[in-house]
């Protein structure tokens, strides 16, 4: 058993955002299990705000640092995935908060919320690490 946990811990440490994805997935599952629309809206909304602000801050810093050197298409590639994930996670949160627990819309909303908040975490981490690779790319041009 120790061997399996060591391999799993090594896998988690390879990418820093994997811990966050597991935590967000567990949070979404716990919110689903509570069967409370009010708690889902409150805790899910706070989670969405934190993840969204982190992703927006990383995208803004990456855009600001490289404003003069990047093409508008690259700016769209920086901002569009986060905007889409933010809109879809807010839609999932809306579905989970508006419909009765156990209904099809509630389940779809919980799944959408969980996946898209995890995507916001991945995007924030990737944008944070993309700063150095974008600098290397722009210097090579």
N, C-alpha and C. Protein backbone atom coordinates (compact mmCIF):
# COMPACT_ATOMS: atom_id res chain seq x y z
N UNK A 1 0.82 -1.19 0.00
CA UNK A 1 0.00 0.00 0.00
C UNK A 1 0.87 1.26 0.00
N UNK A 2 1.97 1.21 0.69
CA UNK A 2 2.88 2.35 0.76
C UNK A 2 3.41 2.70 -0.63
N UNK A 3 3.64 1.68 -1.42
CA UNK A 3 4.16 1.88 -2.78
C UNK A 3 3.15 2.64 -3.65
N UNK A 4 1.89 2.31 -3.50
CA UNK A 4 0.84 2.97 -4.28
C UNK A 4 0.70 4.43 -3.86
N UNK A 5 0.72 4.69 -2.56
CA UNK A 5 0.59 6.07 -2.10
C UNK A 5 1.80 6.91 -2.49
N UNK A 6 2.98 6.31 -2.51
CA UNK A 6 4.16 7.05 -2.94
C UNK A 6 4.09 7.40 -4.42
N UNK A 7 3.61 6.47 -5.23
CA UNK A 7 3.45 6.75 -6.66
C UNK A 7 2.40 7.84 -6.89
N UNK A 8 1.30 7.77 -6.14
CA UNK A 8 0.25 8.77 -6.27
C UNK A 8 0.75 10.15 -5.83
N UNK A 9 1.49 10.19 -4.73
CA UNK A 9 2.06 11.46 -4.27
C UNK A 9 3.05 12.02 -5.28
N UNK A 10 3.86 11.16 -5.89
CA UNK A 10 4.79 11.61 -6.92
C UNK A 10 4.05 12.16 -8.13
N UNK A 11 2.96 11.49 -8.51
CA UNK A 11 2.16 11.96 -9.63
C UNK A 11 1.56 13.33 -9.33
N UNK A 12 1.07 13.53 -8.10
CA UNK A 12 0.50 14.82 -7.72
C UNK A 12 1.53 15.93 -7.74
N UNK A 13 2.76 15.63 -7.35
CA UNK A 13 3.80 16.65 -7.27
C UNK A 13 4.34 17.06 -8.63
N UNK A 14 4.11 16.25 -9.66
CA UNK A 14 4.62 16.58 -10.99
C UNK A 14 4.01 17.86 -11.54
N UNK A 15 2.77 18.11 -11.25
CA UNK A 15 2.08 19.32 -11.71
C UNK A 15 1.44 19.99 -10.50
N UNK A 16 1.75 21.24 -10.23
CA UNK A 16 1.27 21.87 -8.99
C UNK A 16 -0.24 22.04 -8.90
N UNK A 17 -0.94 22.09 -10.03
CA UNK A 17 -2.38 22.32 -9.96
C UNK A 17 -3.19 21.06 -9.70
N UNK A 18 -2.55 19.89 -9.67
CA UNK A 18 -3.30 18.65 -9.45
C UNK A 18 -3.91 18.59 -8.05
N UNK A 19 -3.23 19.13 -7.06
CA UNK A 19 -3.81 19.18 -5.71
C UNK A 19 -5.08 20.02 -5.72
N UNK A 20 -5.04 21.14 -6.41
CA UNK A 20 -6.20 22.03 -6.47
C UNK A 20 -7.36 21.37 -7.18
N UNK A 21 -7.08 20.64 -8.25
CA UNK A 21 -8.15 19.97 -8.99
C UNK A 21 -8.82 18.91 -8.11
N UNK A 22 -8.03 18.16 -7.37
CA UNK A 22 -8.60 17.15 -6.48
C UNK A 22 -9.45 17.83 -5.40
N UNK A 23 -8.97 18.94 -4.85
CA UNK A 23 -9.74 19.65 -3.82
C UNK A 23 -11.04 20.21 -4.39
N UNK A 24 -11.01 20.78 -5.58
CA UNK A 24 -12.22 21.32 -6.19
C UNK A 24 -13.20 20.20 -6.50
N UNK A 25 -12.71 19.07 -6.97
CA UNK A 25 -13.58 17.94 -7.26
C UNK A 25 -14.24 17.43 -5.98
N UNK A 26 -13.47 17.32 -4.90
CA UNK A 26 -14.05 16.88 -3.63
C UNK A 26 -15.07 17.89 -3.13
N UNK A 27 -14.79 19.19 -3.28
CA UNK A 27 -15.73 20.22 -2.85
C UNK A 27 -17.03 20.12 -3.63
N UNK A 28 -16.94 19.96 -4.95
CA UNK A 28 -18.15 19.84 -5.77
C UNK A 28 -18.95 18.60 -5.38
N UNK A 29 -18.25 17.51 -5.10
CA UNK A 29 -18.95 16.28 -4.69
C UNK A 29 -19.62 16.48 -3.33
N UNK A 30 -18.94 17.13 -2.39
CA UNK A 30 -19.55 17.39 -1.08
C UNK A 30 -20.76 18.31 -1.19
N UNK A 31 -20.66 19.33 -2.03
CA UNK A 31 -21.80 20.22 -2.24
C UNK A 31 -22.97 19.46 -2.86
N UNK A 32 -22.67 18.54 -3.75
CA UNK A 32 -23.72 17.71 -4.35
C UNK A 32 -24.39 16.84 -3.29
N UNK A 33 -23.59 16.28 -2.41
CA UNK A 33 -24.11 15.37 -1.39
C UNK A 33 -24.95 16.09 -0.33
N UNK A 34 -24.72 17.38 -0.12
CA UNK A 34 -25.46 18.10 0.92
C UNK A 34 -26.93 18.31 0.56
N UNK A 35 -27.26 18.28 -0.70
CA UNK A 35 -28.64 18.47 -1.16
C UNK A 35 -29.25 19.78 -0.66
N UNK A 36 -28.45 20.82 -0.60
CA UNK A 36 -28.95 22.12 -0.18
C UNK A 36 -28.59 23.16 -1.24
N UNK A 37 -29.62 23.71 -1.85
CA UNK A 37 -29.38 24.70 -2.90
C UNK A 37 -28.74 25.97 -2.34
N UNK A 38 -29.14 26.35 -1.14
CA UNK A 38 -28.60 27.57 -0.55
C UNK A 38 -27.11 27.41 -0.24
N UNK A 39 -26.74 26.28 0.35
CA UNK A 39 -25.33 26.03 0.65
C UNK A 39 -24.50 25.90 -0.63
N UNK A 40 -25.08 25.25 -1.64
CA UNK A 40 -24.37 25.13 -2.91
C UNK A 40 -24.13 26.50 -3.50
N UNK A 41 -25.15 27.35 -3.46
CA UNK A 41 -25.00 28.70 -4.03
C UNK A 41 -23.98 29.51 -3.25
N UNK A 42 -24.01 29.43 -1.92
CA UNK A 42 -23.11 30.22 -1.10
C UNK A 42 -21.66 29.76 -1.23
N UNK A 43 -21.41 28.49 -0.96
CA UNK A 43 -20.04 27.98 -1.01
C UNK A 43 -19.54 27.90 -2.44
N UNK A 44 -20.39 27.45 -3.36
CA UNK A 44 -20.00 27.40 -4.76
C UNK A 44 -19.72 28.78 -5.33
N UNK A 45 -20.52 29.76 -4.93
CA UNK A 45 -20.28 31.13 -5.40
C UNK A 45 -18.96 31.68 -4.91
N UNK A 46 -18.64 31.44 -3.64
CA UNK A 46 -17.35 31.89 -3.11
C UNK A 46 -16.18 31.19 -3.81
N UNK A 47 -16.34 29.90 -4.05
CA UNK A 47 -15.30 29.15 -4.77
C UNK A 47 -15.12 29.69 -6.17
N UNK A 48 -16.22 29.98 -6.83
CA UNK A 48 -16.16 30.52 -8.19
C UNK A 48 -15.51 31.89 -8.21
N UNK A 49 -15.80 32.71 -7.22
CA UNK A 49 -15.18 34.04 -7.15
C UNK A 49 -13.67 33.93 -6.97
N UNK A 50 -13.24 33.06 -6.06
CA UNK A 50 -11.80 32.91 -5.81
C UNK A 50 -11.09 32.38 -7.05
N UNK A 51 -11.63 31.30 -7.65
CA UNK A 51 -10.99 30.71 -8.83
C UNK A 51 -11.02 31.69 -10.01
N UNK A 52 -12.13 32.40 -10.17
CA UNK A 52 -12.23 33.36 -11.26
C UNK A 52 -11.28 34.53 -11.10
N UNK A 53 -11.17 35.04 -9.89
CA UNK A 53 -10.25 36.15 -9.65
C UNK A 53 -8.79 35.73 -9.88
N UNK A 54 -8.45 34.51 -9.46
CA UNK A 54 -7.08 34.03 -9.68
C UNK A 54 -6.79 33.91 -11.18
N UNK A 55 -7.73 33.34 -11.93
CA UNK A 55 -7.53 33.18 -13.37
C UNK A 55 -7.47 34.54 -14.07
N UNK A 56 -8.34 35.45 -13.71
CA UNK A 56 -8.34 36.79 -14.31
C UNK A 56 -7.05 37.54 -13.96
N UNK A 57 -6.59 37.40 -12.72
CA UNK A 57 -5.35 38.08 -12.32
C UNK A 57 -4.16 37.54 -13.09
N UNK A 58 -4.07 36.24 -13.26
CA UNK A 58 -2.96 35.66 -14.02
C UNK A 58 -3.02 36.07 -15.49
N UNK A 59 -4.22 36.07 -16.08
CA UNK A 59 -4.36 36.50 -17.47
C UNK A 59 -4.02 37.97 -17.63
N UNK A 60 -4.43 38.80 -16.68
CA UNK A 60 -4.12 40.23 -16.75
C UNK A 60 -2.62 40.48 -16.62
N UNK A 61 -1.96 39.76 -15.70
CA UNK A 61 -0.52 39.95 -15.54
C UNK A 61 0.24 39.50 -16.78
N UNK A 62 -0.17 38.36 -17.36
CA UNK A 62 0.50 37.88 -18.56
C UNK A 62 0.29 38.84 -19.73
N UNK A 63 -0.91 39.37 -19.86
CA UNK A 63 -1.19 40.33 -20.93
C UNK A 63 -0.43 41.63 -20.71
N UNK A 64 -0.44 42.13 -19.49
CA UNK A 64 0.22 43.40 -19.18
C UNK A 64 1.73 43.33 -19.38
N UNK A 65 2.35 42.25 -18.94
CA UNK A 65 3.81 42.12 -19.05
C UNK A 65 4.28 42.04 -20.49
N UNK A 66 3.44 41.51 -21.37
CA UNK A 66 3.85 41.28 -22.76
C UNK A 66 3.00 42.06 -23.75
N UNK A 67 2.39 43.15 -23.32
CA UNK A 67 1.43 43.87 -24.13
C UNK A 67 1.98 44.31 -25.49
N UNK A 68 3.19 44.82 -25.51
CA UNK A 68 3.73 45.38 -26.75
C UNK A 68 4.20 44.32 -27.74
N UNK A 69 4.48 43.14 -27.25
CA UNK A 69 5.09 42.12 -28.10
C UNK A 69 4.14 41.06 -28.61
N UNK A 70 2.93 41.00 -28.12
CA UNK A 70 2.05 39.90 -28.53
C UNK A 70 1.00 40.36 -29.52
N UNK A 71 0.55 39.42 -30.31
CA UNK A 71 -0.45 39.62 -31.35
C UNK A 71 -1.85 39.56 -30.71
N UNK A 72 -2.83 40.25 -31.28
CA UNK A 72 -4.20 40.17 -30.71
C UNK A 72 -4.75 38.74 -30.63
N UNK A 73 -4.33 37.87 -31.55
CA UNK A 73 -4.77 36.48 -31.50
C UNK A 73 -4.24 35.80 -30.23
N UNK A 74 -3.00 36.12 -29.84
CA UNK A 74 -2.44 35.57 -28.61
C UNK A 74 -3.18 36.10 -27.39
N UNK A 75 -3.59 37.35 -27.43
CA UNK A 75 -4.38 37.90 -26.34
C UNK A 75 -5.70 37.15 -26.21
N UNK A 76 -6.32 36.86 -27.34
CA UNK A 76 -7.57 36.09 -27.31
C UNK A 76 -7.33 34.69 -26.74
N UNK A 77 -6.20 34.08 -27.07
CA UNK A 77 -5.89 32.76 -26.53
C UNK A 77 -5.62 32.80 -25.03
N UNK A 78 -5.19 33.93 -24.53
CA UNK A 78 -4.97 34.07 -23.09
C UNK A 78 -6.31 34.23 -22.36
N UNK A 79 -7.22 35.03 -22.92
CA UNK A 79 -8.44 35.40 -22.20
C UNK A 79 -9.64 34.50 -22.49
N UNK A 80 -9.79 33.99 -23.70
CA UNK A 80 -11.01 33.26 -24.07
C UNK A 80 -11.25 31.98 -23.25
N UNK A 81 -10.26 31.11 -23.04
CA UNK A 81 -10.57 29.90 -22.26
C UNK A 81 -11.05 30.19 -20.83
N UNK A 82 -10.46 31.18 -20.19
CA UNK A 82 -10.90 31.54 -18.84
C UNK A 82 -12.31 32.12 -18.84
N UNK A 83 -12.61 32.94 -19.83
CA UNK A 83 -13.95 33.52 -19.91
C UNK A 83 -15.00 32.44 -20.14
N UNK A 84 -14.68 31.49 -21.01
CA UNK A 84 -15.62 30.40 -21.28
C UNK A 84 -15.81 29.53 -20.04
N UNK A 85 -14.72 29.19 -19.36
CA UNK A 85 -14.82 28.38 -18.15
C UNK A 85 -15.58 29.12 -17.05
N UNK A 86 -15.39 30.42 -16.95
CA UNK A 86 -16.10 31.21 -15.95
C UNK A 86 -17.60 31.24 -16.24
N UNK A 87 -17.96 31.42 -17.49
CA UNK A 87 -19.38 31.46 -17.87
C UNK A 87 -20.04 30.09 -17.65
N UNK A 88 -19.35 29.02 -18.05
CA UNK A 88 -19.93 27.69 -17.89
C UNK A 88 -20.04 27.28 -16.42
N UNK A 89 -19.04 27.65 -15.61
CA UNK A 89 -19.14 27.31 -14.19
C UNK A 89 -20.24 28.12 -13.51
N UNK A 90 -20.41 29.38 -13.90
CA UNK A 90 -21.52 30.18 -13.35
C UNK A 90 -22.86 29.60 -13.79
N UNK A 91 -22.93 29.09 -15.01
CA UNK A 91 -24.17 28.45 -15.48
C UNK A 91 -24.46 27.19 -14.69
N UNK A 92 -23.44 26.40 -14.41
CA UNK A 92 -23.62 25.20 -13.60
C UNK A 92 -24.05 25.55 -12.18
N UNK A 93 -23.46 26.60 -11.63
CA UNK A 93 -23.85 27.05 -10.30
C UNK A 93 -25.31 27.52 -10.29
N UNK A 94 -25.71 28.21 -11.33
CA UNK A 94 -27.10 28.66 -11.44
C UNK A 94 -28.05 27.46 -11.48
N UNK A 95 -27.72 26.47 -12.30
CA UNK A 95 -28.59 25.29 -12.40
C UNK A 95 -28.69 24.57 -11.05
N UNK A 96 -27.55 24.41 -10.38
CA UNK A 96 -27.55 23.70 -9.11
C UNK A 96 -28.30 24.48 -8.02
N UNK A 97 -28.26 25.79 -8.10
CA UNK A 97 -28.91 26.60 -7.07
C UNK A 97 -30.41 26.77 -7.33
N UNK A 98 -30.84 26.69 -8.58
CA UNK A 98 -32.24 26.96 -8.91
C UNK A 98 -33.15 25.75 -8.88
N UNK A 99 -32.60 24.57 -9.14
CA UNK A 99 -33.45 23.39 -9.25
C UNK A 99 -33.32 22.51 -8.02
N UNK A 100 -34.35 21.72 -7.79
CA UNK A 100 -34.38 20.85 -6.62
C UNK A 100 -33.26 19.83 -6.66
N UNK A 101 -32.72 19.53 -5.48
CA UNK A 101 -31.66 18.54 -5.37
C UNK A 101 -32.17 17.19 -5.86
N UNK A 102 -31.36 16.54 -6.67
CA UNK A 102 -31.73 15.24 -7.22
C UNK A 102 -32.34 15.32 -8.60
N UNK A 103 -32.77 16.50 -9.04
CA UNK A 103 -33.33 16.61 -10.38
C UNK A 103 -32.20 16.55 -11.42
N UNK A 104 -32.58 16.34 -12.65
CA UNK A 104 -31.58 16.22 -13.72
C UNK A 104 -30.80 17.52 -13.89
N UNK A 105 -31.50 18.67 -13.80
CA UNK A 105 -30.81 19.95 -13.94
C UNK A 105 -29.82 20.19 -12.79
N UNK A 106 -30.19 19.77 -11.59
CA UNK A 106 -29.30 19.91 -10.43
C UNK A 106 -28.03 19.09 -10.65
N UNK A 107 -28.19 17.86 -11.11
CA UNK A 107 -27.04 16.98 -11.34
C UNK A 107 -26.14 17.55 -12.45
N UNK A 108 -26.75 17.99 -13.54
CA UNK A 108 -25.98 18.59 -14.63
C UNK A 108 -25.27 19.85 -14.15
N UNK A 109 -25.94 20.66 -13.36
CA UNK A 109 -25.32 21.87 -12.82
C UNK A 109 -24.14 21.55 -11.92
N UNK A 110 -24.27 20.54 -11.08
CA UNK A 110 -23.16 20.14 -10.21
C UNK A 110 -21.96 19.66 -11.01
N UNK A 111 -22.22 18.86 -12.03
CA UNK A 111 -21.14 18.35 -12.87
C UNK A 111 -20.47 19.50 -13.63
N UNK A 112 -21.28 20.37 -14.22
CA UNK A 112 -20.71 21.52 -14.94
C UNK A 112 -19.88 22.40 -14.01
N UNK A 113 -20.42 22.66 -12.83
CA UNK A 113 -19.70 23.50 -11.87
C UNK A 113 -18.36 22.87 -11.49
N UNK A 114 -18.38 21.59 -11.16
CA UNK A 114 -17.15 20.91 -10.76
C UNK A 114 -16.09 20.92 -11.84
N UNK A 115 -16.48 20.57 -13.06
CA UNK A 115 -15.51 20.52 -14.15
C UNK A 115 -14.96 21.91 -14.49
N UNK A 116 -15.82 22.88 -14.55
CA UNK A 116 -15.39 24.20 -15.00
C UNK A 116 -14.60 24.96 -13.95
N UNK A 117 -14.90 24.77 -12.68
CA UNK A 117 -14.07 25.39 -11.65
C UNK A 117 -12.68 24.73 -11.65
N UNK A 118 -12.65 23.42 -11.89
CA UNK A 118 -11.35 22.75 -12.03
C UNK A 118 -10.60 23.30 -13.25
N UNK A 119 -11.31 23.59 -14.33
CA UNK A 119 -10.66 24.18 -15.51
C UNK A 119 -10.11 25.57 -15.20
N UNK A 120 -10.83 26.34 -14.38
CA UNK A 120 -10.31 27.64 -13.98
C UNK A 120 -9.02 27.49 -13.19
N UNK A 121 -8.95 26.47 -12.34
CA UNK A 121 -7.73 26.23 -11.58
C UNK A 121 -6.58 25.85 -12.50
N UNK A 122 -6.86 24.99 -13.48
CA UNK A 122 -5.83 24.60 -14.44
C UNK A 122 -5.37 25.81 -15.25
N UNK A 123 -6.32 26.61 -15.73
CA UNK A 123 -5.97 27.78 -16.53
C UNK A 123 -5.12 28.77 -15.74
N UNK A 124 -5.48 29.00 -14.49
CA UNK A 124 -4.70 29.92 -13.67
C UNK A 124 -3.27 29.42 -13.49
N UNK A 125 -3.12 28.13 -13.24
CA UNK A 125 -1.78 27.56 -13.07
C UNK A 125 -1.00 27.59 -14.38
N UNK A 126 -1.66 27.29 -15.48
CA UNK A 126 -0.99 27.30 -16.77
C UNK A 126 -0.60 28.72 -17.19
N UNK A 127 -1.45 29.68 -16.93
CA UNK A 127 -1.10 31.07 -17.24
C UNK A 127 0.05 31.56 -16.38
N UNK A 128 0.09 31.09 -15.14
CA UNK A 128 1.19 31.46 -14.26
C UNK A 128 2.52 30.92 -14.79
N UNK A 129 2.51 29.68 -15.28
CA UNK A 129 3.75 29.09 -15.80
C UNK A 129 4.03 29.51 -17.25
N UNK A 130 3.03 30.04 -17.95
CA UNK A 130 3.22 30.43 -19.35
C UNK A 130 4.02 31.71 -19.49
N UNK A 131 4.16 32.46 -18.43
CA UNK A 131 4.87 33.74 -18.51
C UNK A 131 6.31 33.55 -18.98
N UNK A 132 7.01 32.58 -18.41
CA UNK A 132 8.40 32.37 -18.79
C UNK A 132 8.52 31.78 -20.19
N UNK A 133 7.61 30.88 -20.57
CA UNK A 133 7.69 30.30 -21.91
C UNK A 133 7.32 31.33 -22.99
N UNK A 134 6.40 32.24 -22.68
CA UNK A 134 6.07 33.29 -23.64
C UNK A 134 7.23 34.25 -23.80
N UNK A 135 7.94 34.54 -22.72
CA UNK A 135 9.11 35.41 -22.83
C UNK A 135 10.18 34.76 -23.70
N UNK A 136 10.41 33.46 -23.52
CA UNK A 136 11.40 32.77 -24.35
C UNK A 136 10.98 32.79 -25.81
N UNK A 137 9.69 32.61 -26.08
CA UNK A 137 9.19 32.63 -27.44
C UNK A 137 9.37 34.01 -28.08
N UNK A 138 9.04 35.05 -27.33
CA UNK A 138 9.15 36.40 -27.87
C UNK A 138 10.61 36.81 -28.07
N UNK A 139 11.51 36.33 -27.21
CA UNK A 139 12.92 36.64 -27.37
C UNK A 139 13.52 35.93 -28.59
N UNK A 140 12.99 34.77 -28.93
CA UNK A 140 13.50 34.01 -30.07
C UNK A 140 13.04 34.60 -31.40
N UNK A 141 11.99 35.40 -31.39
CA UNK A 141 11.46 35.98 -32.64
C UNK A 141 12.43 36.94 -33.27
